[in-house]
Amino acid sequence: MFQDLVHMASDTIDDVMGDYEFKITPMSDETTNSRAKPDPNRAVVVGRCPFIYAAKEFGMQLGVRKTYREANDFRAISIGSAPFASVAAHYFENLETHPEQGDIFEITSKPEFPKFKILDVQPDGMERIEMRLRVLEVTR
């Protein structure tokens, strides 16, 4: 019964917040002499999911020391984004469809969004897979 409730909760998340259609393209491993390319042994996965693509400022700061009696000028070293997707686990029922680090994640419902590389794949324990992403290309 608990598992049924967890599955219903995951479906509700997609119904309420799953505004984005996605596509995950499995990629083969990069080698020293070649780039990663689509992996023909694993299936492309498409579906709907919640997606966060918010800009954030990282906490590390760089200080510029002026003269002895002037105030230091602190500013962020890097300003970037922290893209994140939460995908229902039922999309990945077998090993041929399970996402891996290095696979390509696209938001197909928003063609103006860049492509992303999957950095980390973790189950959340509630029938969802959480993926940290990195922008792969800035423009299309």
C-alpha atoms as a PDB file:
ATOM      1  CA  MET A   1       0.000   0.000   0.000  1.00  0.00           C
ATOM      2  CA  PHE A   2       2.839   2.412   0.845  1.00  0.00           C
ATOM      3  CA  GLN A   3       4.412   1.768  -2.567  1.00  0.00           C
ATOM      4  CA  ASP A   4       1.094   2.650  -4.250  1.00  0.00           C
ATOM      5  CA  LEU A   5       0.999   5.958  -2.358  1.00  0.00           C
ATOM      6  CA  VAL A   6       4.579   6.747  -3.362  1.00  0.00           C
ATOM      7  CA  HIS A   7       3.757   5.986  -7.007  1.00  0.00           C
ATOM      8  CA  MET A   8       0.658   8.232  -6.827  1.00  0.00           C
ATOM      9  CA  ALA A   9       2.748  11.037  -5.310  1.00  0.00           C
ATOM     10  CA  SER A  10       5.308  10.751  -8.112  1.00  0.00           C
ATOM     11  CA  ASP A  11       2.543  10.850 -10.744  1.00  0.00           C
ATOM     12  CA  THR A  12       1.011  13.893  -9.033  1.00  0.00           C
ATOM     13  CA  ILE A  13       4.355  15.707  -9.166  1.00  0.00           C
ATOM     14  CA  ASP A  14       4.425  15.188 -12.945  1.00  0.00           C
ATOM     15  CA  ASP A  15       0.768  16.230 -13.311  1.00  0.00           C
ATOM     16  CA  VAL A  16       1.215  19.441 -11.317  1.00  0.00           C
ATOM     17  CA  MET A  17       4.804  20.473 -12.028  1.00  0.00           C
ATOM     18  CA  GLY A  18       5.819  18.408 -15.071  1.00  0.00           C
ATOM     19  CA  ASP A  19       5.603  21.271 -17.525  1.00  0.00           C
ATOM     20  CA  TYR A  20       8.635  20.244 -19.538  1.00  0.00           C
ATOM     21  CA  GLU A  21       8.955  17.532 -22.160  1.00  0.00           C
ATOM     22  CA  PHE A  22      12.403  15.961 -22.102  1.00  0.00           C
ATOM     23  CA  LYS A  23      14.582  13.636 -24.150  1.00  0.00           C
ATOM     24  CA  ILE A  24      17.581  11.744 -22.795  1.00  0.00           C
ATOM     25  CA  THR A  25      20.044  10.531 -25.423  1.00  0.00           C
ATOM     26  CA  PRO A  26      22.388   7.834 -24.103  1.00  0.00           C
ATOM     27  CA  MET A  27      26.015   8.449 -24.968  1.00  0.00           C
ATOM     28  CA  SER A  28      28.967   6.074 -25.193  1.00  0.00           C
ATOM     29  CA  ASP A  29      32.065   6.767 -23.127  1.00  0.00           C
ATOM     30  CA  GLU A  30      34.625   9.232 -24.389  1.00  0.00           C
ATOM     31  CA  THR A  31      38.055   7.813 -25.048  1.00  0.00           C
ATOM     32  CA  THR A  32      41.400   9.533 -25.326  1.00  0.00           C
ATOM     33  CA  ASN A  33      41.133   9.741 -29.098  1.00  0.00           C
ATOM     34  CA  SER A  34      37.389  10.182 -29.634  1.00  0.00           C
ATOM     35  CA  ARG A  35      34.404  12.113 -28.393  1.00  0.00           C
ATOM     36  CA  ALA A  36      31.300  10.555 -26.911  1.00  0.00           C
ATOM     37  CA  LYS A  37      28.682   9.538 -29.459  1.00  0.00           C
ATOM     38  CA  PRO A  38      25.128   8.165 -29.177  1.00  0.00           C
ATOM     39  CA  ASP A  39      25.111   4.661 -27.686  1.00  0.00           C
ATOM     40  CA  PRO A  40      23.135   2.295 -29.958  1.00  0.00           C
ATOM     41  CA  ASN A  41      22.826  -0.304 -27.166  1.00  0.00           C
ATOM     42  CA  ARG A  42      20.677   1.939 -24.926  1.00  0.00           C
ATOM     43  CA  ALA A  43      17.266   3.421 -25.694  1.00  0.00           C
ATOM     44  CA  VAL A  44      16.416   7.126 -26.003  1.00  0.00           C
ATOM     45  CA  VAL A  45      13.932   8.119 -23.273  1.00  0.00           C
ATOM     46  CA  VAL A  46      11.238  10.794 -23.683  1.00  0.00           C
ATOM     47  CA  GLY A  47       8.648  12.046 -21.197  1.00  0.00           C
ATOM     48  CA  ARG A  48       7.563  14.934 -18.943  1.00  0.00           C
ATOM     49  CA  CYS A  49       9.221  16.204 -15.785  1.00  0.00           C
ATOM     50  CA  PRO A  50       9.741  19.185 -13.492  1.00  0.00           C
ATOM     51  CA  PHE A  51      12.886  21.080 -14.459  1.00  0.00           C
ATOM     52  CA  ILE A  52      14.798  23.884 -12.728  1.00  0.00           C
ATOM     53  CA  TYR A  53      17.140  26.121 -14.694  1.00  0.00           C
ATOM     54  CA  ALA A  54      17.831  29.010 -12.361  1.00  0.00           C
ATOM     55  CA  ALA A  55      20.833  31.290 -12.341  1.00  0.00           C
ATOM     56  CA  LYS A  56      22.751  31.330  -9.105  1.00  0.00           C
ATOM     57  CA  GLU A  57      25.780  33.090  -7.747  1.00  0.00           C
ATOM     58  CA  PHE A  58      28.387  30.866  -6.189  1.00  0.00           C
ATOM     59  CA  GLY A  59      29.593  31.711  -2.689  1.00  0.00           C
ATOM     60  CA  MET A  60      33.290  31.819  -3.388  1.00  0.00           C
ATOM     61  CA  GLN A  61      34.567  35.369  -3.617  1.00  0.00           C
ATOM     62  CA  LEU A  62      37.655  37.042  -4.964  1.00  0.00           C
ATOM     63  CA  GLY A  63      38.964  40.030  -3.058  1.00  0.00           C
ATOM     64  CA  VAL A  64      40.907  42.830  -4.666  1.00  0.00           C
ATOM     65  CA  ARG A  65      43.063  44.533  -2.086  1.00  0.00           C
ATOM     66  CA  LYS A  66      43.555  48.174  -2.812  1.00  0.00           C
ATOM     67  CA  THR A  67      45.921  50.338  -0.794  1.00  0.00           C
ATOM     68  CA  TYR A  68      46.598  49.978   2.917  1.00  0.00           C
ATOM     69  CA  ARG A  69      43.720  52.170   4.179  1.00  0.00           C
ATOM     70  CA  GLU A  70      41.086  51.533   1.486  1.00  0.00           C
ATOM     71  CA  ALA A  71      38.340  48.932   1.719  1.00  0.00           C
ATOM     72  CA  ASN A  72      38.677  45.672  -0.148  1.00  0.00           C
ATOM     73  CA  ASP A  73      36.498  45.089  -3.200  1.00  0.00           C
ATOM     74  CA  PHE A  74      34.787  41.688  -2.977  1.00  0.00           C
ATOM     75  CA  ARG A  75      32.867  40.114  -5.856  1.00  0.00           C
ATOM     76  CA  ALA A  76      31.822  36.637  -6.910  1.00  0.00           C
ATOM     77  CA  ILE A  77      34.341  34.634  -8.926  1.00  0.00           C
ATOM     78  CA  SER A  78      31.658  32.891 -10.918  1.00  0.00           C
ATOM     79  CA  ILE A  79      28.011  33.356 -11.715  1.00  0.00           C
ATOM     80  CA  GLY A  80      26.364  30.401 -13.362  1.00  0.00           C
ATOM     81  CA  SER A  81      23.375  28.126 -13.316  1.00  0.00           C
ATOM     82  CA  ALA A  82      22.402  24.976 -11.473  1.00  0.00           C
ATOM     83  CA  PRO A  83      20.115  23.008 -13.814  1.00  0.00           C
ATOM     84  CA  PHE A  84      18.242  20.143 -12.160  1.00  0.00           C
ATOM     85  CA  ALA A  85      15.620  17.612 -13.305  1.00  0.00           C
ATOM     86  CA  SER A  86      13.435  15.224 -11.316  1.00  0.00           C
ATOM     87  CA  VAL A  87      12.167  12.362 -13.494  1.00  0.00           C
ATOM     88  CA  ALA A  88       9.727   9.592 -12.543  1.00  0.00           C
ATOM     89  CA  ALA A  89      11.526   6.261 -12.161  1.00  0.00           C
ATOM     90  CA  HIS A  90       8.994   4.404 -14.347  1.00  0.00           C
ATOM     91  CA  TYR A  91      10.753   5.849 -17.419  1.00  0.00           C
ATOM     92  CA  PHE A  92      13.830   3.812 -16.458  1.00  0.00           C
ATOM     93  CA  GLU A  93      12.455   0.340 -15.758  1.00  0.00           C
ATOM     94  CA  ASN A  94      15.389  -1.531 -17.288  1.00  0.00           C
ATOM     95  CA  LEU A  95      19.131  -1.008 -17.634  1.00  0.00           C
ATOM     96  CA  GLU A  96      18.852  -0.098 -21.329  1.00  0.00           C
ATOM     97  CA  THR A  97      16.947   3.074 -20.423  1.00  0.00           C
ATOM     98  CA  HIS A  98      18.631   4.068 -17.139  1.00  0.00           C
ATOM     99  CA  PRO A  99      20.400   7.453 -17.453  1.00  0.00           C
ATOM    100  CA  GLU A 100      24.112   7.642 -16.803  1.00  0.00           C
ATOM    101  CA  GLN A 101      26.670  10.343 -16.252  1.00  0.00           C
ATOM    102  CA  GLY A 102      27.573  11.854 -19.637  1.00  0.00           C
ATOM    103  CA  ASP A 103      24.200  11.287 -21.317  1.00  0.00           C
ATOM    104  CA  ILE A 104      22.560  14.262 -23.070  1.00  0.00           C
ATOM    105  CA  PHE A 105      19.420  15.809 -21.554  1.00  0.00           C
ATOM    106  CA  GLU A 106      17.235  18.097 -23.679  1.00  0.00           C
ATOM    107  CA  ILE A 107      14.050  20.028 -22.931  1.00  0.00           C
ATOM    108  CA  THR A 108      12.215  19.430 -26.217  1.00  0.00           C
ATOM    109  CA  SER A 109       9.250  21.640 -25.283  1.00  0.00           C
ATOM    110  CA  LYS A 110      11.594  24.655 -25.017  1.00  0.00           C
ATOM    111  CA  PRO A 111      13.861  24.679 -28.078  1.00  0.00           C
ATOM    112  CA  GLU A 112      15.461  27.914 -26.878  1.00  0.00           C
ATOM    113  CA  PHE A 113      16.985  26.031 -23.917  1.00  0.00           C
ATOM    114  CA  PRO A 114      20.493  24.640 -24.417  1.00  0.00           C
ATOM    115  CA  LYS A 115      21.355  20.957 -24.311  1.00  0.00           C
ATOM    116  CA  PHE A 116      22.651  19.613 -21.009  1.00  0.00           C
ATOM    117  CA  LYS A 117      25.104  16.919 -19.974  1.00  0.00           C
ATOM    118  CA  ILE A 118      24.063  14.730 -17.044  1.00  0.00           C
ATOM    119  CA  LEU A 119      26.589  15.114 -14.218  1.00  0.00           C
ATOM    120  CA  ASP A 120      24.977  12.998 -11.525  1.00  0.00           C
ATOM    121  CA  VAL A 121      22.076  10.528 -11.325  1.00  0.00           C
ATOM    122  CA  GLN A 122      20.602   9.643  -7.928  1.00  0.00           C
ATOM    123  CA  PRO A 123      17.355   7.944  -6.880  1.00  0.00           C
ATOM    124  CA  ASP A 124      15.448  10.047  -4.349  1.00  0.00           C
ATOM    125  CA  GLY A 125      13.889   7.017  -2.606  1.00  0.00           C
ATOM    126  CA  MET A 126      10.380   8.090  -3.645  1.00  0.00           C
ATOM    127  CA  GLU A 127      10.170   6.646  -7.189  1.00  0.00           C
ATOM    128  CA  ARG A 128      11.975   9.569  -8.815  1.00  0.00           C
ATOM    129  CA  ILE A 129      15.435  10.009 -10.290  1.00  0.00           C
ATOM    130  CA  GLU A 130      17.219  13.299  -9.612  1.00  0.00           C
ATOM    131  CA  MET A 131      19.721  14.567 -12.166  1.00  0.00           C
ATOM    132  CA  ARG A 132      22.216  17.382 -11.787  1.00  0.00           C
ATOM    133  CA  LEU A 133      23.004  18.863 -15.183  1.00  0.00           C
ATOM    134  CA  ARG A 134      25.580  21.110 -16.849  1.00  0.00           C
ATOM    135  CA  VAL A 135      24.999  23.290 -19.891  1.00  0.00           C
ATOM    136  CA  LEU A 136      26.545  21.550 -22.873  1.00  0.00           C
ATOM    137  CA  GLU A 137      26.042  24.239 -25.479  1.00  0.00           C
ATOM    138  CA  VAL A 138      24.979  27.838 -25.033  1.00  0.00           C
ATOM    139  CA  THR A 139      23.188  28.480 -28.313  1.00  0.00           C
ATOM    140  CA  ARG A 140      21.489  26.356 -30.936  1.00  0.00           C
END
